[in-house]
Amino acid sequence: MPRAHGRLVWLDLEMTGLDVDRHVIVEIAALVTDDELEPVDDGIDLIVHATAEQLADIALSSAGTAESFGIPPRVAMLSYSTGTSGSGTDVTKVAEATAIVRRRRPELPVEGPIQYDAAIDPVVAAAKLPGSAVAGQATVFVFPDLNTGNNTYKAVQRSAGAVAVGPVMQGLRRPVNDLSRGATVNDIINTVAITAIQAQA
């Protein structure tokens, strides 16, 4: 994380404290296309290589944020493998994180490991993971690391002409959000609106 941003997050933590139910502070972004709020994308903006426990915390925080915006959370724990189609330490970590989420919040629809196409496309989902309550209709995407999350969110933003809303900080006791030095007037307005919604949740 950039030093200036790191100092700001540290100040936020000192002012408000960590949420008692969370162990990590992360930021997410939502993308708006054609005046519709698209599924919440988790960029894991503050953790470069999350552990399974941290990924689970991120998923639970992101589900709560989705709910505060009126989006029914269906959480996709993203990986380069869907179900048992692949193997490796990264796949195992995502599977472990998914199991933790299920233990901590059994009623929350969560699937992982799952690839993005299977998470968002019903046709692909039917072929790769039939019968899943999340596949093909995910609304919250938890990326496995900073590199994947940050680049994917920026690629979608630029390629689809989407408006990025956020970043929205999660894991603090009270809503606190920041803006980059290049923020536009619309960025400022959106961030103020989001912070107000968080305060009412």
C-alpha atoms as a PDB file:
ATOM      1  CA  MET A   1       0.000   0.000   0.000  1.00  0.00           C
ATOM      2  CA  PRO A   2       1.313   3.528  -0.767  1.00  0.00           C
ATOM      3  CA  ARG A   3       2.913   5.205   2.258  1.00  0.00           C
ATOM      4  CA  ALA A   4       0.598   8.228   2.258  1.00  0.00           C
ATOM      5  CA  HIS A   5      -2.449   5.976   2.098  1.00  0.00           C
ATOM      6  CA  GLY A   6      -1.025   3.770   4.828  1.00  0.00           C
ATOM      7  CA  ARG A   7      -0.602   6.756   7.153  1.00  0.00           C
ATOM      8  CA  LEU A   8      -4.166   7.839   6.470  1.00  0.00           C
ATOM      9  CA  VAL A   9      -5.548   4.374   7.264  1.00  0.00           C
ATOM     10  CA  TRP A  10      -3.503   4.322  10.482  1.00  0.00           C
ATOM     11  CA  LEU A  11      -5.029   7.678  11.505  1.00  0.00           C
ATOM     12  CA  ASP A  12      -8.510   6.346  10.696  1.00  0.00           C
ATOM     13  CA  LEU A  13      -7.836   3.330  12.899  1.00  0.00           C
ATOM     14  CA  GLU A  14      -6.634   5.518  15.766  1.00  0.00           C
ATOM     15  CA  MET A  15      -9.735   7.732  15.512  1.00  0.00           C
ATOM     16  CA  THR A  16     -12.407   5.050  15.294  1.00  0.00           C
ATOM     17  CA  GLY A  17     -10.884   1.719  16.281  1.00  0.00           C
ATOM     18  CA  LEU A  18     -11.324  -1.686  14.662  1.00  0.00           C
ATOM     19  CA  ASP A  19     -14.788  -3.212  14.386  1.00  0.00           C
ATOM     20  CA  VAL A  20     -15.099  -5.831  17.132  1.00  0.00           C
ATOM     21  CA  ASP A  21     -16.313  -8.439  14.616  1.00  0.00           C
ATOM     22  CA  ARG A  22     -13.493  -7.875  12.113  1.00  0.00           C
ATOM     23  CA  HIS A  23      -9.755  -8.526  12.094  1.00  0.00           C
ATOM     24  CA  VAL A  24      -8.746  -6.610   8.964  1.00  0.00           C
ATOM     25  CA  ILE A  25      -9.312  -3.245   7.316  1.00  0.00           C
ATOM     26  CA  VAL A  26      -9.988  -3.456   3.582  1.00  0.00           C
ATOM     27  CA  GLU A  27     -11.446  -1.307   0.849  1.00  0.00           C
ATOM     28  CA  ILE A  28     -13.948  -2.282  -1.806  1.00  0.00           C
ATOM     29  CA  ALA A  29     -15.297  -0.611  -4.917  1.00  0.00           C
ATOM     30  CA  ALA A  30     -18.650  -0.886  -6.655  1.00  0.00           C
ATOM     31  CA  LEU A  31     -19.053  -0.275 -10.373  1.00  0.00           C
ATOM     32  CA  VAL A  32     -21.994   1.600 -11.908  1.00  0.00           C
ATOM     33  CA  THR A  33     -23.013   1.009 -15.527  1.00  0.00           C
ATOM     34  CA  ASP A  34     -26.129   2.402 -17.245  1.00  0.00           C
ATOM     35  CA  ASP A  35     -27.299   3.946 -13.949  1.00  0.00           C
ATOM     36  CA  GLU A  36     -27.341   0.543 -12.273  1.00  0.00           C
ATOM     37  CA  LEU A  37     -25.162  -0.493  -9.353  1.00  0.00           C
ATOM     38  CA  GLU A  38     -23.225  -3.541 -10.436  1.00  0.00           C
ATOM     39  CA  PRO A  39     -22.127  -6.265  -8.030  1.00  0.00           C
ATOM     40  CA  VAL A  40     -19.692  -5.204  -5.345  1.00  0.00           C
ATOM     41  CA  ASP A  41     -16.087  -5.932  -6.289  1.00  0.00           C
ATOM     42  CA  ASP A  42     -13.517  -6.434  -3.570  1.00  0.00           C
ATOM     43  CA  GLY A  43     -10.122  -5.041  -4.511  1.00  0.00           C
ATOM     44  CA  ILE A  44      -8.400  -6.020  -1.266  1.00  0.00           C
ATOM     45  CA  ASP A  45      -6.761  -2.613  -1.502  1.00  0.00           C
ATOM     46  CA  LEU A  46      -4.886  -2.814   1.801  1.00  0.00           C
ATOM     47  CA  ILE A  47      -3.670  -6.423   1.891  1.00  0.00           C
ATOM     48  CA  VAL A  48      -1.255  -7.650  -0.753  1.00  0.00           C
ATOM     49  CA  HIS A  49      -1.408 -11.385   0.024  1.00  0.00           C
ATOM     50  CA  ALA A  50      -4.368 -12.232   2.249  1.00  0.00           C
ATOM     51  CA  THR A  51      -4.435 -15.357   4.405  1.00  0.00           C
ATOM     52  CA  ALA A  52      -7.458 -17.673   4.421  1.00  0.00           C
ATOM     53  CA  GLU A  53      -8.675 -16.044   7.654  1.00  0.00           C
ATOM     54  CA  GLN A  54      -8.260 -12.562   6.168  1.00  0.00           C
ATOM     55  CA  LEU A  55     -10.082 -13.570   2.975  1.00  0.00           C
ATOM     56  CA  ALA A  56     -12.955 -14.838   5.120  1.00  0.00           C
ATOM     57  CA  ASP A  57     -13.071 -11.523   7.022  1.00  0.00           C
ATOM     58  CA  ILE A  58     -13.040  -9.637   3.724  1.00  0.00           C
ATOM     59  CA  ALA A  59     -15.914 -11.741   2.406  1.00  0.00           C
ATOM     60  CA  LEU A  60     -18.020 -11.191   5.519  1.00  0.00           C
ATOM     61  CA  SER A  61     -17.343  -7.442   5.570  1.00  0.00           C
ATOM     62  CA  SER A  62     -18.145  -7.150   1.862  1.00  0.00           C
ATOM     63  CA  ALA A  63     -21.389  -9.077   2.302  1.00  0.00           C
ATOM     64  CA  GLY A  64     -22.386  -6.621   5.022  1.00  0.00           C
ATOM     65  CA  THR A  65     -21.556  -3.669   2.789  1.00  0.00           C
ATOM     66  CA  ALA A  66     -23.634  -5.143  -0.037  1.00  0.00           C
ATOM     67  CA  GLU A  67     -26.566  -5.524   2.352  1.00  0.00           C
ATOM     68  CA  SER A  68     -26.266  -1.870   3.422  1.00  0.00           C
ATOM     69  CA  PHE A  69     -26.722  -0.901  -0.251  1.00  0.00           C
ATOM     70  CA  GLY A  70     -29.755  -3.167  -0.630  1.00  0.00           C
ATOM     71  CA  ILE A  71     -27.849  -5.815  -2.622  1.00  0.00           C
ATOM     72  CA  PRO A  72     -28.575  -9.418  -1.556  1.00  0.00           C
ATOM     73  CA  PRO A  73     -25.082 -10.836  -0.959  1.00  0.00           C
ATOM     74  CA  ARG A  74     -24.111 -13.944  -2.900  1.00  0.00           C
ATOM     75  CA  VAL A  75     -20.383 -14.231  -2.382  1.00  0.00           C
ATOM     76  CA  ALA A  76     -17.955 -15.620  -4.958  1.00  0.00           C
ATOM     77  CA  MET A  77     -14.519 -16.482  -3.577  1.00  0.00           C
ATOM     78  CA  LEU A  78     -12.556 -16.119  -6.803  1.00  0.00           C
ATOM     79  CA  SER A  79      -9.733 -18.377  -7.929  1.00  0.00           C
ATOM     80  CA  TYR A  80      -8.208 -19.783 -11.099  1.00  0.00           C
ATOM     81  CA  SER A  81     -10.114 -22.993 -10.354  1.00  0.00           C
ATOM     82  CA  THR A  82     -13.815 -23.763 -10.017  1.00  0.00           C
ATOM     83  CA  GLY A  83     -14.742 -26.388  -7.475  1.00  0.00           C
ATOM     84  CA  THR A  84     -12.244 -29.227  -7.663  1.00  0.00           C
ATOM     85  CA  SER A  85     -11.110 -28.581 -11.256  1.00  0.00           C
ATOM     86  CA  GLY A  86      -7.667 -27.377 -10.204  1.00  0.00           C
ATOM     87  CA  SER A  87      -5.200 -27.577  -7.361  1.00  0.00           C
ATOM     88  CA  GLY A  88      -2.427 -25.576  -5.748  1.00  0.00           C
ATOM     89  CA  THR A  89      -1.723 -23.564  -2.629  1.00  0.00           C
ATOM     90  CA  ASP A  90      -3.780 -20.571  -3.824  1.00  0.00           C
ATOM     91  CA  VAL A  91      -6.800 -22.781  -4.541  1.00  0.00           C
ATOM     92  CA  THR A  92      -6.466 -24.448  -1.146  1.00  0.00           C
ATOM     93  CA  LYS A  93      -6.334 -21.051   0.570  1.00  0.00           C
ATOM     94  CA  VAL A  94      -9.565 -19.933  -1.122  1.00  0.00           C
ATOM     95  CA  ALA A  95     -11.260 -23.227  -0.220  1.00  0.00           C
ATOM     96  CA  GLU A  96     -10.207 -22.783   3.410  1.00  0.00           C
ATOM     97  CA  ALA A  97     -11.481 -19.190   3.432  1.00  0.00           C
ATOM     98  CA  THR A  98     -14.826 -20.354   2.030  1.00  0.00           C
ATOM     99  CA  ALA A  99     -15.117 -22.968   4.781  1.00  0.00           C
ATOM    100  CA  ILE A 100     -14.428 -20.305   7.427  1.00  0.00           C
ATOM    101  CA  VAL A 101     -17.149 -18.037   6.002  1.00  0.00           C
ATOM    102  CA  ARG A 102     -19.630 -20.930   6.074  1.00  0.00           C
ATOM    103  CA  ARG A 103     -18.794 -21.677   9.699  1.00  0.00           C
ATOM    104  CA  ARG A 104     -19.089 -18.065  10.804  1.00  0.00           C
ATOM    105  CA  ARG A 105     -22.225 -17.220   8.824  1.00  0.00           C
ATOM    106  CA  PRO A 106     -23.981 -20.421   7.729  1.00  0.00           C
ATOM    107  CA  GLU A 107     -26.951 -18.638   6.141  1.00  0.00           C
ATOM    108  CA  LEU A 108     -24.790 -16.580   3.757  1.00  0.00           C
ATOM    109  CA  PRO A 109     -24.643 -17.913   0.171  1.00  0.00           C
ATOM    110  CA  VAL A 110     -20.942 -18.342  -0.601  1.00  0.00           C
ATOM    111  CA  GLU A 111     -19.076 -20.367  -3.216  1.00  0.00           C
ATOM    112  CA  GLY A 112     -15.384 -20.989  -3.655  1.00  0.00           C
ATOM    113  CA  PRO A 113     -13.077 -21.587  -5.221  1.00  0.00           C
ATOM    114  CA  ILE A 114     -14.826 -20.301  -8.322  1.00  0.00           C
ATOM    115  CA  GLN A 115     -13.700 -18.577 -11.521  1.00  0.00           C
ATOM    116  CA  TYR A 116     -15.212 -15.242 -12.525  1.00  0.00           C
ATOM    117  CA  ASP A 117     -17.016 -16.617 -15.582  1.00  0.00           C
ATOM    118  CA  ALA A 118     -18.739 -19.293 -13.508  1.00  0.00           C
ATOM    119  CA  ALA A 119     -19.618 -16.716 -10.859  1.00  0.00           C
ATOM    120  CA  ILE A 120     -21.306 -14.266 -13.225  1.00  0.00           C
ATOM    121  CA  ASP A 121     -22.553 -16.225 -16.266  1.00  0.00           C
ATOM    122  CA  PRO A 122     -25.521 -18.611 -15.702  1.00  0.00           C
ATOM    123  CA  VAL A 123     -24.649 -20.683 -18.784  1.00  0.00           C
ATOM    124  CA  VAL A 124     -21.066 -21.251 -17.666  1.00  0.00           C
ATOM    125  CA  ALA A 125     -22.257 -21.848 -14.113  1.00  0.00           C
ATOM    126  CA  ALA A 126     -24.636 -24.584 -15.237  1.00  0.00           C
ATOM    127  CA  ALA A 127     -21.743 -26.404 -16.898  1.00  0.00           C
ATOM    128  CA  LYS A 128     -19.083 -25.863 -14.250  1.00  0.00           C
ATOM    129  CA  LEU A 129     -20.992 -25.806 -10.956  1.00  0.00           C
ATOM    130  CA  PRO A 130     -24.619 -26.932 -11.366  1.00  0.00           C
ATOM    131  CA  GLY A 131     -26.871 -26.553  -8.351  1.00  0.00           C
ATOM    132  CA  SER A 132     -24.854 -23.755  -6.759  1.00  0.00           C
ATOM    133  CA  ALA A 133     -26.791 -20.964  -5.023  1.00  0.00           C
ATOM    134  CA  VAL A 134     -24.079 -18.481  -6.025  1.00  0.00           C
ATOM    135  CA  ALA A 135     -22.668 -19.562  -9.401  1.00  0.00           C
ATOM    136  CA  GLY A 136     -24.072 -17.516 -12.256  1.00  0.00           C
ATOM    137  CA  GLN A 137     -25.606 -14.915  -9.953  1.00  0.00           C
ATOM    138  CA  ALA A 138     -22.875 -13.708  -7.608  1.00  0.00           C
ATOM    139  CA  THR A 139     -23.138 -10.159  -6.283  1.00  0.00           C
ATOM    140  CA  VAL A 140     -19.965  -9.951  -4.197  1.00  0.00           C
ATOM    141  CA  PHE A 141     -16.585 -10.913  -5.656  1.00  0.00           C
ATOM    142  CA  VAL A 142     -13.650 -11.527  -3.348  1.00  0.00           C
ATOM    143  CA  PHE A 143     -10.382 -11.501  -5.255  1.00  0.00           C
ATOM    144  CA  PRO A 144      -7.555 -13.626  -3.852  1.00  0.00           C
ATOM    145  CA  ASP A 145      -4.883 -10.896  -3.832  1.00  0.00           C
ATOM    146  CA  LEU A 146      -4.239  -7.209  -4.434  1.00  0.00           C
ATOM    147  CA  ASN A 147      -2.756  -7.674  -7.908  1.00  0.00           C
ATOM    148  CA  THR A 148      -5.789  -9.552  -9.247  1.00  0.00           C
ATOM    149  CA  GLY A 149      -8.396  -7.378  -7.566  1.00  0.00           C
ATOM    150  CA  ASN A 150      -6.904  -3.992  -8.354  1.00  0.00           C
ATOM    151  CA  ASN A 151      -6.196  -4.727 -12.013  1.00  0.00           C
ATOM    152  CA  THR A 152      -9.561  -6.417 -12.640  1.00  0.00           C
ATOM    153  CA  TYR A 153     -11.539  -3.556 -11.152  1.00  0.00           C
ATOM    154  CA  LYS A 154      -9.593  -1.005 -13.213  1.00  0.00           C
ATOM    155  CA  ALA A 155      -9.928  -3.095 -16.382  1.00  0.00           C
ATOM    156  CA  VAL A 156     -13.715  -3.335 -15.981  1.00  0.00           C
ATOM    157  CA  GLN A 157     -13.933   0.359 -15.153  1.00  0.00           C
ATOM    158  CA  ARG A 158     -12.045   1.400 -18.294  1.00  0.00           C
ATOM    159  CA  SER A 159     -13.272  -1.241 -20.741  1.00  0.00           C
ATOM    160  CA  ALA A 160     -16.959  -1.037 -19.834  1.00  0.00           C
ATOM    161  CA  GLY A 161     -17.014   2.709 -19.248  1.00  0.00           C
ATOM    162  CA  ALA A 162     -18.199   2.059 -15.709  1.00  0.00           C
ATOM    163  CA  VAL A 163     -18.152   4.581 -12.880  1.00  0.00           C
ATOM    164  CA  ALA A 164     -16.164   3.307  -9.901  1.00  0.00           C
ATOM    165  CA  VAL A 165     -17.885   4.117  -6.605  1.00  0.00           C
ATOM    166  CA  GLY A 166     -15.457   3.989  -3.742  1.00  0.00           C
ATOM    167  CA  PRO A 167     -13.141   2.890  -2.383  1.00  0.00           C
ATOM    168  CA  VAL A 168     -15.306   2.087   0.622  1.00  0.00           C
ATOM    169  CA  MET A 169     -13.358   1.260   3.760  1.00  0.00           C
ATOM    170  CA  GLN A 170     -14.475  -1.719   5.826  1.00  0.00           C
ATOM    171  CA  GLY A 171     -13.489  -3.018   9.238  1.00  0.00           C
ATOM    172  CA  LEU A 172     -13.629   0.211  11.266  1.00  0.00           C
ATOM    173  CA  ARG A 173     -16.137   0.939  14.030  1.00  0.00           C
ATOM    174  CA  ARG A 174     -17.411   4.046  12.244  1.00  0.00           C
ATOM    175  CA  PRO A 175     -17.590   4.880   8.530  1.00  0.00           C
ATOM    176  CA  VAL A 176     -14.461   6.622   7.267  1.00  0.00           C
ATOM    177  CA  ASN A 177     -13.553   6.888   3.579  1.00  0.00           C
ATOM    178  CA  ASP A 178     -10.798   8.702   1.734  1.00  0.00           C
ATOM    179  CA  LEU A 179     -10.229  10.131  -1.712  1.00  0.00           C
ATOM    180  CA  SER A 180      -7.254  10.008  -4.040  1.00  0.00           C
ATOM    181  CA  ARG A 181      -5.474  13.189  -5.092  1.00  0.00           C
ATOM    182  CA  GLY A 182      -6.999  12.775  -8.551  1.00  0.00           C
ATOM    183  CA  ALA A 183     -10.594  12.597  -7.307  1.00  0.00           C
ATOM    184  CA  THR A 184     -13.206  14.376  -9.418  1.00  0.00           C
ATOM    185  CA  VAL A 185     -16.203  16.309  -8.141  1.00  0.00           C
ATOM    186  CA  ASN A 186     -18.386  13.255  -8.860  1.00  0.00           C
ATOM    187  CA  ASP A 187     -15.955  11.054  -6.921  1.00  0.00           C
ATOM    188  CA  ILE A 188     -16.319  13.348  -3.912  1.00  0.00           C
ATOM    189  CA  ILE A 189     -20.127  13.403  -4.156  1.00  0.00           C
ATOM    190  CA  ASN A 190     -20.314   9.603  -4.482  1.00  0.00           C
ATOM    191  CA  THR A 191     -17.991   9.062  -1.530  1.00  0.00           C
ATOM    192  CA  VAL A 192     -19.988  11.435   0.687  1.00  0.00           C
ATOM    193  CA  ALA A 193     -23.222   9.621  -0.269  1.00  0.00           C
ATOM    194  CA  ILE A 194     -21.691   6.210   0.450  1.00  0.00           C
ATOM    195  CA  THR A 195     -20.366   7.334   3.831  1.00  0.00           C
ATOM    196  CA  ALA A 196     -23.825   8.633   4.740  1.00  0.00           C
ATOM    197  CA  ILE A 197     -25.395   5.278   3.817  1.00  0.00           C
ATOM    198  CA  GLN A 198     -22.789   3.461   5.918  1.00  0.00           C
ATOM    199  CA  ALA A 199     -23.555   5.733   8.873  1.00  0.00           C
ATOM    200  CA  GLN A 200     -27.257   4.805   8.704  1.00  0.00           C
ATOM    201  CA  ALA A 201     -26.649   1.050   8.439  1.00  0.00           C
END
